[in-house]
Amino acid sequence: MTEDGRLIRTDPVAMGVWKRLTAQFATWRLIVFASFTKRALNMIANDQLSILNEATHWKIGLGLLGGLNDDQVDFLLAYARINARKVDRLFRATALIFVSIPVAGIFGLTELDPEIWDRLGFEQSETLIVVLGAWMALAGLMMAAAWRAQELADLIEFEQARRQFDAAKQAKAPAE
C-alpha cells in the first residue's frame, strides 16, 4: 500500500499481454522448434533481427504489443529486463552449483575412500554418462529459459525503439 492507503496495482492489460507473450516465448517452444526453423540455420549470421522479424512468435508478440500505449510498453520493458536478469541469475547459480558441488564431492570422497566409486557402480561408464547427461539436460533447460527471457526483453525493446522512431519521424514531418 502507498502512504495514502491506496493499493499498488500493476496494469492488468499490460500483465495480460505479458502472460500471452510468455506463452509465445515458452522455453519448450525453443527446444522443440529451434532445430526446425530457418532461423536455426542462420544462427551464425550477423543480422539476427531480420530473421526474428520473420519468426511467427516475434510477429505475434509485436501484434500483442501494438495494442498497448507507450507507458505500458515502457513498463513491460522494465518488467522483462528484470525478469531476464532474474532467470539468468538462476541459470548461472544452478550451473555453478551443478559443477562445483559435484566436483568438490568427488574429490572429497575419493580422498576419504578411494574405492567408493567402484562400490557405487561408477566403474562402469554407462552410469557416469547417465548422471552427467541428467545434469547437462537440466542445465540446458535453464540456459534455454534464460535465452527466452532475454529474447522477450529484446522484443519489447525493439517495439519501444520502433515507436520512438515513428514518433520522431512524425515530429519531423511537415504539417499538412
C-alpha atoms as a PDB file:
ATOM      1  CA  MET A   1       0.000   0.000   0.000  1.00  0.00           C
ATOM      2  CA  THR A   2       1.074   3.562  -0.574  1.00  0.00           C
ATOM      3  CA  GLU A   3       1.309   6.176   2.172  1.00  0.00           C
ATOM      4  CA  ASP A   4      -2.165   7.473   1.390  1.00  0.00           C
ATOM      5  CA  GLY A   5      -3.675   3.987   1.723  1.00  0.00           C
ATOM      6  CA  ARG A   6      -4.051   3.206  -1.996  1.00  0.00           C
ATOM      7  CA  LEU A   7      -3.226  -0.271  -3.202  1.00  0.00           C
ATOM      8  CA  ILE A   8      -0.282  -0.625  -5.534  1.00  0.00           C
ATOM      9  CA  ARG A   9      -1.553  -2.298  -8.671  1.00  0.00           C
ATOM     10  CA  THR A  10       0.070  -3.481 -11.844  1.00  0.00           C
ATOM     11  CA  ASP A  11      -1.716  -2.624 -15.072  1.00  0.00           C
ATOM     12  CA  PRO A  12      -3.971  -5.627 -15.763  1.00  0.00           C
ATOM     13  CA  VAL A  13      -3.937  -5.028 -19.529  1.00  0.00           C
ATOM     14  CA  ALA A  14      -0.137  -4.957 -19.675  1.00  0.00           C
ATOM     15  CA  MET A  15       0.091  -8.033 -17.455  1.00  0.00           C
ATOM     16  CA  GLY A  16      -2.430  -9.829 -19.670  1.00  0.00           C
ATOM     17  CA  VAL A  17      -0.187  -9.119 -22.649  1.00  0.00           C
ATOM     18  CA  TRP A  18       2.806 -10.297 -20.593  1.00  0.00           C
ATOM     19  CA  LYS A  19       1.114 -13.644 -19.914  1.00  0.00           C
ATOM     20  CA  ARG A  20       0.351 -14.087 -23.614  1.00  0.00           C
ATOM     21  CA  LEU A  21       3.896 -13.100 -24.563  1.00  0.00           C
ATOM     22  CA  THR A  22       5.452 -15.572 -22.142  1.00  0.00           C
ATOM     23  CA  ALA A  23       3.286 -18.299 -23.664  1.00  0.00           C
ATOM     24  CA  GLN A  24       4.603 -17.383 -27.130  1.00  0.00           C
ATOM     25  CA  PHE A  25       8.173 -17.332 -25.851  1.00  0.00           C
ATOM     26  CA  ALA A  26       7.890 -20.541 -23.806  1.00  0.00           C
ATOM     27  CA  THR A  27      11.107 -22.475 -23.289  1.00  0.00           C
ATOM     28  CA  TRP A  28       9.598 -25.690 -24.647  1.00  0.00           C
ATOM     29  CA  ARG A  29       8.887 -23.947 -27.956  1.00  0.00           C
ATOM     30  CA  LEU A  30      12.552 -23.017 -28.269  1.00  0.00           C
ATOM     31  CA  ILE A  31      13.641 -26.569 -27.540  1.00  0.00           C
ATOM     32  CA  VAL A  32      11.099 -28.252 -29.825  1.00  0.00           C
ATOM     33  CA  PHE A  33      11.118 -25.863 -32.773  1.00  0.00           C
ATOM     34  CA  ALA A  34      14.628 -24.367 -32.704  1.00  0.00           C
ATOM     35  CA  SER A  35      16.180 -27.080 -34.819  1.00  0.00           C
ATOM     36  CA  PHE A  36      13.474 -26.997 -37.464  1.00  0.00           C
ATOM     37  CA  THR A  37      13.410 -23.342 -38.471  1.00  0.00           C
ATOM     38  CA  LYS A  38      15.186 -21.172 -40.995  1.00  0.00           C
ATOM     39  CA  ARG A  39      16.379 -19.143 -38.028  1.00  0.00           C
ATOM     40  CA  ALA A  40      18.320 -22.120 -36.682  1.00  0.00           C
ATOM     41  CA  LEU A  41      20.225 -22.352 -39.940  1.00  0.00           C
ATOM     42  CA  ASN A  42      21.100 -18.655 -39.752  1.00  0.00           C
ATOM     43  CA  MET A  43      22.383 -18.616 -36.171  1.00  0.00           C
ATOM     44  CA  ILE A  44      25.848 -17.659 -37.397  1.00  0.00           C
ATOM     45  CA  ALA A  45      24.553 -14.679 -39.389  1.00  0.00           C
ATOM     46  CA  ASN A  46      25.383 -11.181 -38.195  1.00  0.00           C
ATOM     47  CA  ASP A  47      21.777  -9.997 -38.628  1.00  0.00           C
ATOM     48  CA  GLN A  48      19.535 -11.756 -36.164  1.00  0.00           C
ATOM     49  CA  LEU A  49      16.757  -9.148 -36.066  1.00  0.00           C
ATOM     50  CA  SER A  50      15.769  -9.524 -39.720  1.00  0.00           C
ATOM     51  CA  ILE A  51      15.436 -13.245 -39.117  1.00  0.00           C
ATOM     52  CA  LEU A  52      13.417 -12.641 -35.940  1.00  0.00           C
ATOM     53  CA  ASN A  53      11.076 -10.240 -37.750  1.00  0.00           C
ATOM     54  CA  GLU A  54      10.073 -13.182 -39.937  1.00  0.00           C
ATOM     55  CA  ALA A  55       9.527 -15.547 -36.980  1.00  0.00           C
ATOM     56  CA  THR A  56       5.920 -16.294 -36.040  1.00  0.00           C
ATOM     57  CA  HIS A  57       6.385 -15.782 -32.302  1.00  0.00           C
ATOM     58  CA  TRP A  58       8.028 -12.412 -32.955  1.00  0.00           C
ATOM     59  CA  LYS A  59       5.173 -11.280 -35.248  1.00  0.00           C
ATOM     60  CA  ILE A  60       2.555 -12.374 -32.715  1.00  0.00           C
ATOM     61  CA  GLY A  61       4.495 -10.618 -29.941  1.00  0.00           C
ATOM     62  CA  LEU A  62       4.675  -7.359 -31.901  1.00  0.00           C
ATOM     63  CA  GLY A  63       0.955  -7.648 -32.600  1.00  0.00           C
ATOM     64  CA  LEU A  64       0.213  -8.049 -28.905  1.00  0.00           C
ATOM     65  CA  LEU A  65       2.402  -5.080 -28.009  1.00  0.00           C
ATOM     66  CA  GLY A  66       0.711  -2.998 -30.706  1.00  0.00           C
ATOM     67  CA  GLY A  67      -2.416  -2.758 -28.566  1.00  0.00           C
ATOM     68  CA  LEU A  68      -0.583  -1.115 -25.674  1.00  0.00           C
ATOM     69  CA  ASN A  69       0.243   2.547 -25.166  1.00  0.00           C
ATOM     70  CA  ASP A  70       3.827   3.793 -24.793  1.00  0.00           C
ATOM     71  CA  ASP A  71       3.741   3.818 -20.991  1.00  0.00           C
ATOM     72  CA  GLN A  72       2.562   0.211 -20.908  1.00  0.00           C
ATOM     73  CA  VAL A  73       5.342  -0.831 -23.306  1.00  0.00           C
ATOM     74  CA  ASP A  74       7.890   1.041 -21.168  1.00  0.00           C
ATOM     75  CA  PHE A  75       6.600  -0.786 -18.087  1.00  0.00           C
ATOM     76  CA  LEU A  76       6.731  -4.177 -19.824  1.00  0.00           C
ATOM     77  CA  LEU A  77      10.272  -3.499 -20.993  1.00  0.00           C
ATOM     78  CA  ALA A  78      11.408  -2.800 -17.435  1.00  0.00           C
ATOM     79  CA  TYR A  79       9.477  -5.851 -16.253  1.00  0.00           C
ATOM     80  CA  ALA A  80      11.032  -8.058 -18.971  1.00  0.00           C
ATOM     81  CA  ARG A  81      14.551  -6.831 -18.229  1.00  0.00           C
ATOM     82  CA  ILE A  82      14.137  -7.550 -14.515  1.00  0.00           C
ATOM     83  CA  ASN A  83      12.726 -10.969 -15.358  1.00  0.00           C
ATOM     84  CA  ALA A  84      15.584 -11.747 -17.765  1.00  0.00           C
ATOM     85  CA  ARG A  85      18.196 -10.802 -15.163  1.00  0.00           C
ATOM     86  CA  LYS A  86      16.468 -12.985 -12.568  1.00  0.00           C
ATOM     87  CA  VAL A  87      16.236 -16.009 -14.897  1.00  0.00           C
ATOM     88  CA  ASP A  88      19.877 -15.534 -15.915  1.00  0.00           C
ATOM     89  CA  ARG A  89      20.995 -15.401 -12.265  1.00  0.00           C
ATOM     90  CA  LEU A  90      19.062 -18.602 -11.545  1.00  0.00           C
ATOM     91  CA  PHE A  91      20.703 -20.307 -14.512  1.00  0.00           C
ATOM     92  CA  ARG A  92      24.195 -19.167 -13.518  1.00  0.00           C
ATOM     93  CA  ALA A  93      23.745 -20.169  -9.874  1.00  0.00           C
ATOM     94  CA  THR A  94      22.359 -23.571 -10.794  1.00  0.00           C
ATOM     95  CA  ALA A  95      25.088 -24.231 -13.357  1.00  0.00           C
ATOM     96  CA  LEU A  96      27.733 -23.239 -10.816  1.00  0.00           C
ATOM     97  CA  ILE A  97      26.186 -25.483  -8.184  1.00  0.00           C
ATOM     98  CA  PHE A  98      25.985 -28.378 -10.665  1.00  0.00           C
ATOM     99  CA  VAL A  99      29.703 -28.053 -11.310  1.00  0.00           C
ATOM    100  CA  SER A 100      31.287 -27.012  -8.025  1.00  0.00           C
ATOM    101  CA  ILE A 101      29.402 -29.227  -5.571  1.00  0.00           C
ATOM    102  CA  PRO A 102      29.754 -32.473  -7.549  1.00  0.00           C
ATOM    103  CA  VAL A 103      33.424 -31.853  -8.325  1.00  0.00           C
ATOM    104  CA  ALA A 104      34.201 -30.990  -4.703  1.00  0.00           C
ATOM    105  CA  GLY A 105      32.215 -34.017  -3.546  1.00  0.00           C
ATOM    106  CA  ILE A 106      34.015 -36.328  -5.945  1.00  0.00           C
ATOM    107  CA  PHE A 107      37.437 -35.145  -4.830  1.00  0.00           C
ATOM    108  CA  GLY A 108      36.467 -35.219  -1.159  1.00  0.00           C
ATOM    109  CA  LEU A 109      35.002 -38.716  -1.260  1.00  0.00           C
ATOM    110  CA  THR A 110      37.925 -40.016  -3.291  1.00  0.00           C
ATOM    111  CA  GLU A 111      40.344 -38.692  -0.668  1.00  0.00           C
ATOM    112  CA  LEU A 112      38.350 -40.281   2.167  1.00  0.00           C
ATOM    113  CA  ASP A 113      37.694 -43.601   0.456  1.00  0.00           C
ATOM    114  CA  PRO A 114      39.485 -44.282  -2.853  1.00  0.00           C
ATOM    115  CA  GLU A 115      37.369 -47.408  -3.531  1.00  0.00           C
ATOM    116  CA  ILE A 116      33.961 -45.734  -3.052  1.00  0.00           C
ATOM    117  CA  TRP A 117      33.265 -45.252  -6.772  1.00  0.00           C
ATOM    118  CA  ASP A 118      33.764 -48.922  -7.540  1.00  0.00           C
ATOM    119  CA  ARG A 119      31.323 -49.885  -4.771  1.00  0.00           C
ATOM    120  CA  LEU A 120      28.729 -47.342  -6.010  1.00  0.00           C
ATOM    121  CA  GLY A 121      28.838 -48.669  -9.568  1.00  0.00           C
ATOM    122  CA  PHE A 122      30.742 -45.844 -11.188  1.00  0.00           C
ATOM    123  CA  GLU A 123      33.401 -48.133 -12.548  1.00  0.00           C
ATOM    124  CA  GLN A 124      31.042 -48.577 -15.468  1.00  0.00           C
ATOM    125  CA  SER A 125      30.964 -45.604 -17.802  1.00  0.00           C
ATOM    126  CA  GLU A 126      27.235 -46.022 -18.536  1.00  0.00           C
ATOM    127  CA  THR A 127      26.337 -44.917 -15.005  1.00  0.00           C
ATOM    128  CA  LEU A 128      28.557 -41.869 -15.240  1.00  0.00           C
ATOM    129  CA  ILE A 129      27.124 -40.960 -18.652  1.00  0.00           C
ATOM    130  CA  VAL A 130      23.563 -41.102 -17.278  1.00  0.00           C
ATOM    131  CA  VAL A 131      24.415 -38.865 -14.310  1.00  0.00           C
ATOM    132  CA  LEU A 132      26.307 -36.343 -16.442  1.00  0.00           C
ATOM    133  CA  GLY A 133      23.556 -36.419 -19.070  1.00  0.00           C
ATOM    134  CA  ALA A 134      20.909 -35.573 -16.474  1.00  0.00           C
ATOM    135  CA  TRP A 135      22.990 -32.659 -15.154  1.00  0.00           C
ATOM    136  CA  MET A 136      23.592 -31.380 -18.678  1.00  0.00           C
ATOM    137  CA  ALA A 137      19.913 -31.657 -19.598  1.00  0.00           C
ATOM    138  CA  LEU A 138      18.804 -29.642 -16.582  1.00  0.00           C
ATOM    139  CA  ALA A 139      21.483 -27.003 -17.139  1.00  0.00           C
ATOM    140  CA  GLY A 140      20.483 -26.881 -20.819  1.00  0.00           C
ATOM    141  CA  LEU A 141      16.830 -26.312 -19.920  1.00  0.00           C
ATOM    142  CA  MET A 142      17.763 -23.478 -17.613  1.00  0.00           C
ATOM    143  CA  MET A 143      20.016 -21.968 -20.268  1.00  0.00           C
ATOM    144  CA  ALA A 144      17.126 -22.127 -22.758  1.00  0.00           C
ATOM    145  CA  ALA A 145      14.865 -20.377 -20.233  1.00  0.00           C
ATOM    146  CA  ALA A 146      17.455 -17.614 -19.800  1.00  0.00           C
ATOM    147  CA  TRP A 147      17.736 -17.307 -23.588  1.00  0.00           C
ATOM    148  CA  ARG A 148      13.976 -16.979 -23.971  1.00  0.00           C
ATOM    149  CA  ALA A 149      13.648 -14.450 -21.152  1.00  0.00           C
ATOM    150  CA  GLN A 150      16.261 -12.240 -22.818  1.00  0.00           C
ATOM    151  CA  GLU A 151      14.649 -12.728 -26.226  1.00  0.00           C
ATOM    152  CA  LEU A 152      11.346 -11.498 -24.806  1.00  0.00           C
ATOM    153  CA  ALA A 153      13.049  -8.402 -23.375  1.00  0.00           C
ATOM    154  CA  ASP A 154      14.663  -7.853 -26.789  1.00  0.00           C
ATOM    155  CA  LEU A 155      11.253  -7.986 -28.491  1.00  0.00           C
ATOM    156  CA  ILE A 156       9.801  -5.341 -26.188  1.00  0.00           C
ATOM    157  CA  GLU A 157      12.909  -3.162 -26.554  1.00  0.00           C
ATOM    158  CA  PHE A 158      12.552  -3.450 -30.338  1.00  0.00           C
ATOM    159  CA  GLU A 159       8.911  -2.346 -30.121  1.00  0.00           C
ATOM    160  CA  GLN A 160       9.896   0.605 -27.939  1.00  0.00           C
ATOM    161  CA  ALA A 161      12.632   1.636 -30.410  1.00  0.00           C
ATOM    162  CA  ARG A 162      10.205   1.289 -33.319  1.00  0.00           C
ATOM    163  CA  ARG A 163       7.709   3.572 -31.570  1.00  0.00           C
ATOM    164  CA  GLN A 164      10.372   6.158 -30.777  1.00  0.00           C
ATOM    165  CA  PHE A 165      11.479   6.167 -34.409  1.00  0.00           C
ATOM    166  CA  ASP A 166       7.895   6.572 -35.631  1.00  0.00           C
ATOM    167  CA  ALA A 167       7.292   9.442 -33.186  1.00  0.00           C
ATOM    168  CA  ALA A 168      10.490  11.211 -34.277  1.00  0.00           C
ATOM    169  CA  LYS A 169       9.574  10.748 -37.919  1.00  0.00           C
ATOM    170  CA  GLN A 170       6.104  12.205 -37.344  1.00  0.00           C
ATOM    171  CA  ALA A 171       7.548  15.152 -35.416  1.00  0.00           C
ATOM    172  CA  LYS A 172       9.831  15.990 -38.346  1.00  0.00           C
ATOM    173  CA  ALA A 173       7.104  15.630 -40.967  1.00  0.00           C
ATOM    174  CA  PRO A 174       5.798  18.968 -42.239  1.00  0.00           C
ATOM    175  CA  ALA A 175       2.298  19.788 -41.088  1.00  0.00           C
ATOM    176  CA  GLU A 176      -0.195  19.322 -43.898  1.00  0.00           C
END
